[in-house]
N, C-alpha and C. Protein backbone atom coordinates (compact mmCIF):
# COMPACT_ATOMS: atom_id res chain seq x y z
N MET A 1 270.00 103.10 36.66
CA MET A 1 268.83 103.38 37.46
C MET A 1 267.68 103.76 36.54
N THR A 2 266.52 103.23 36.78
CA THR A 2 265.38 103.56 35.93
C THR A 2 264.52 104.59 36.63
N ALA A 3 264.04 105.49 35.86
CA ALA A 3 263.17 106.53 36.40
C ALA A 3 261.73 106.06 36.33
N THR A 4 261.01 106.32 37.39
CA THR A 4 259.60 105.98 37.41
C THR A 4 258.81 107.25 37.18
N HIS A 5 258.00 107.23 36.16
CA HIS A 5 257.19 108.40 35.84
C HIS A 5 255.77 108.13 36.32
N THR A 6 255.27 109.03 37.10
CA THR A 6 253.88 108.90 37.53
C THR A 6 253.07 109.99 36.88
N ASN A 7 251.92 109.61 36.47
CA ASN A 7 251.02 110.54 35.82
C ASN A 7 250.18 111.20 36.91
N PRO A 8 250.32 112.51 37.11
CA PRO A 8 249.55 113.17 38.17
C PRO A 8 248.04 113.05 37.93
N ASN A 9 247.64 112.93 36.68
CA ASN A 9 246.21 112.79 36.39
C ASN A 9 245.67 111.45 36.88
N SER A 10 246.49 110.39 36.80
CA SER A 10 246.00 109.07 37.23
C SER A 10 245.79 109.05 38.73
N SER A 11 246.65 109.71 39.50
CA SER A 11 246.45 109.75 40.94
C SER A 11 245.23 110.61 41.28
N LEU A 12 244.98 111.62 40.49
CA LEU A 12 243.79 112.45 40.69
C LEU A 12 242.53 111.64 40.43
N HIS A 13 242.56 110.81 39.39
CA HIS A 13 241.42 109.96 39.07
C HIS A 13 241.18 108.95 40.18
N LEU A 14 242.27 108.37 40.71
CA LEU A 14 242.14 107.41 41.81
C LEU A 14 241.58 108.09 43.05
N SER A 15 242.03 109.30 43.32
CA SER A 15 241.55 110.05 44.47
C SER A 15 240.06 110.38 44.32
N ALA A 16 239.67 110.80 43.13
CA ALA A 16 238.27 111.12 42.87
C ALA A 16 237.41 109.86 42.97
N ALA A 17 237.91 108.75 42.42
CA ALA A 17 237.15 107.50 42.48
C ALA A 17 237.02 107.04 43.92
N SER A 18 238.06 107.21 44.70
CA SER A 18 238.02 106.84 46.11
C SER A 18 237.00 107.70 46.86
N ALA A 19 236.96 108.96 46.57
CA ALA A 19 236.00 109.86 47.22
C ALA A 19 234.58 109.48 46.85
N VAL A 20 234.35 109.18 45.59
CA VAL A 20 233.01 108.76 45.15
C VAL A 20 232.61 107.47 45.84
N TYR A 21 233.55 106.53 45.93
CA TYR A 21 233.28 105.26 46.60
C TYR A 21 232.91 105.48 48.07
N ARG A 22 233.65 106.34 48.76
CA ARG A 22 233.35 106.62 50.18
C ARG A 22 231.98 107.26 50.34
N VAL A 23 231.63 108.18 49.47
CA VAL A 23 230.32 108.83 49.54
C VAL A 23 229.21 107.80 49.28
N MET A 24 229.40 106.97 48.25
CA MET A 24 228.39 105.96 47.94
C MET A 24 228.23 104.98 49.10
N THR A 25 229.32 104.57 49.71
CA THR A 25 229.27 103.66 50.85
C THR A 25 228.53 104.30 52.02
N ALA A 26 228.80 105.57 52.27
CA ALA A 26 228.12 106.28 53.36
C ALA A 26 226.62 106.37 53.09
N VAL A 27 226.23 106.66 51.88
CA VAL A 27 224.80 106.75 51.53
C VAL A 27 224.13 105.39 51.66
N ILE A 28 224.78 104.33 51.22
CA ILE A 28 224.22 102.98 51.33
C ILE A 28 224.06 102.60 52.80
N ASN A 29 225.08 102.87 53.61
CA ASN A 29 224.99 102.56 55.03
C ASN A 29 223.88 103.35 55.72
N TRP A 30 223.77 104.63 55.37
CA TRP A 30 222.71 105.47 55.95
C TRP A 30 221.34 104.92 55.57
N ASN A 31 221.17 104.53 54.32
CA ASN A 31 219.88 104.03 53.86
C ASN A 31 219.54 102.69 54.53
N ASP A 32 220.53 101.83 54.69
CA ASP A 32 220.30 100.56 55.38
C ASP A 32 219.84 100.80 56.82
N ALA A 33 220.50 101.73 57.50
CA ALA A 33 220.12 102.05 58.88
C ALA A 33 218.72 102.65 58.93
N ARG A 34 218.41 103.51 57.97
CA ARG A 34 217.08 104.13 57.92
C ARG A 34 216.00 103.08 57.72
N ALA A 35 216.23 102.16 56.81
CA ALA A 35 215.25 101.11 56.52
C ALA A 35 215.09 100.17 57.73
N THR A 36 216.18 99.85 58.38
CA THR A 36 216.10 98.99 59.56
C THR A 36 215.35 99.68 60.69
N ARG A 37 215.68 100.95 60.92
CA ARG A 37 214.98 101.72 61.96
C ARG A 37 213.48 101.79 61.66
N LYS A 38 213.13 102.00 60.41
CA LYS A 38 211.73 102.10 60.02
C LYS A 38 211.02 100.77 60.23
N ALA A 39 211.66 99.67 59.83
CA ALA A 39 211.06 98.34 59.98
C ALA A 39 210.86 98.00 61.46
N LEU A 40 211.87 98.27 62.27
CA LEU A 40 211.74 97.98 63.70
C LEU A 40 210.69 98.87 64.36
N SER A 41 210.60 100.10 63.93
CA SER A 41 209.61 101.03 64.50
C SER A 41 208.18 100.60 64.19
N ARG A 42 208.00 99.88 63.10
CA ARG A 42 206.66 99.43 62.72
C ARG A 42 206.20 98.21 63.53
N LEU A 43 207.13 97.53 64.20
CA LEU A 43 206.76 96.36 64.98
C LEU A 43 206.03 96.78 66.25
N THR A 44 205.16 95.90 66.72
CA THR A 44 204.48 96.16 67.99
C THR A 44 205.45 95.88 69.13
N ASP A 45 205.10 96.33 70.33
CA ASP A 45 205.94 96.06 71.50
C ASP A 45 206.08 94.56 71.72
N ARG A 46 205.02 93.83 71.47
CA ARG A 46 205.07 92.38 71.62
C ARG A 46 206.05 91.75 70.63
N GLU A 47 205.99 92.19 69.38
CA GLU A 47 206.90 91.66 68.36
C GLU A 47 208.36 92.00 68.68
N LEU A 48 208.58 93.23 69.17
CA LEU A 48 209.93 93.61 69.57
C LEU A 48 210.41 92.73 70.72
N ASN A 49 209.51 92.48 71.67
CA ASN A 49 209.85 91.63 72.81
C ASN A 49 210.20 90.21 72.33
N ASP A 50 209.51 89.74 71.32
CA ASP A 50 209.79 88.40 70.78
C ASP A 50 211.22 88.28 70.25
N ILE A 51 211.77 89.37 69.77
CA ILE A 51 213.15 89.34 69.27
C ILE A 51 214.14 89.92 70.28
N GLY A 52 213.66 90.09 71.51
CA GLY A 52 214.54 90.51 72.60
C GLY A 52 214.85 91.99 72.65
N LEU A 53 213.95 92.80 72.11
CA LEU A 53 214.17 94.25 72.11
C LEU A 53 213.01 94.97 72.77
N VAL A 54 213.29 96.19 73.20
CA VAL A 54 212.23 97.13 73.60
C VAL A 54 212.38 98.33 72.68
N ARG A 55 211.35 99.13 72.62
CA ARG A 55 211.33 100.25 71.69
C ARG A 55 212.55 101.17 71.86
N GLY A 56 212.99 101.35 73.09
CA GLY A 56 214.14 102.21 73.35
C GLY A 56 215.45 101.66 72.82
N ASP A 57 215.47 100.39 72.44
CA ASP A 57 216.70 99.78 71.91
C ASP A 57 216.92 100.05 70.44
N ILE A 58 215.91 100.51 69.75
CA ILE A 58 215.97 100.60 68.29
C ILE A 58 217.17 101.43 67.81
N ASP A 59 217.33 102.63 68.36
CA ASP A 59 218.43 103.49 67.88
C ASP A 59 219.80 102.87 68.17
N SER A 60 219.95 102.23 69.33
CA SER A 60 221.26 101.64 69.63
C SER A 60 221.51 100.39 68.78
N VAL A 61 220.47 99.66 68.44
CA VAL A 61 220.63 98.47 67.60
C VAL A 61 221.01 98.88 66.18
N VAL A 62 220.41 99.93 65.70
CA VAL A 62 220.66 100.38 64.34
C VAL A 62 222.03 101.04 64.25
N GLY A 63 222.55 101.53 65.35
CA GLY A 63 223.88 102.13 65.34
C GLY A 63 223.88 103.54 64.85
N ARG A 64 222.92 104.25 65.24
CA ARG A 64 222.75 105.64 64.87
C ARG A 64 224.03 106.29 64.65
């Protein structure tokens, strides 16, 4: 039978890298939503209507 040795430090590094990745993904998603909300908010009611939206739809479209 062969023994498998795991390095506790390597799992800690993977865990830390995973946490950093999740935080970065959350920040990127938040920024994308912020930019989309800002762009849609700058459109006139007529422009929003042209793309099938009303001003009240912005938050639900962005997925707050």
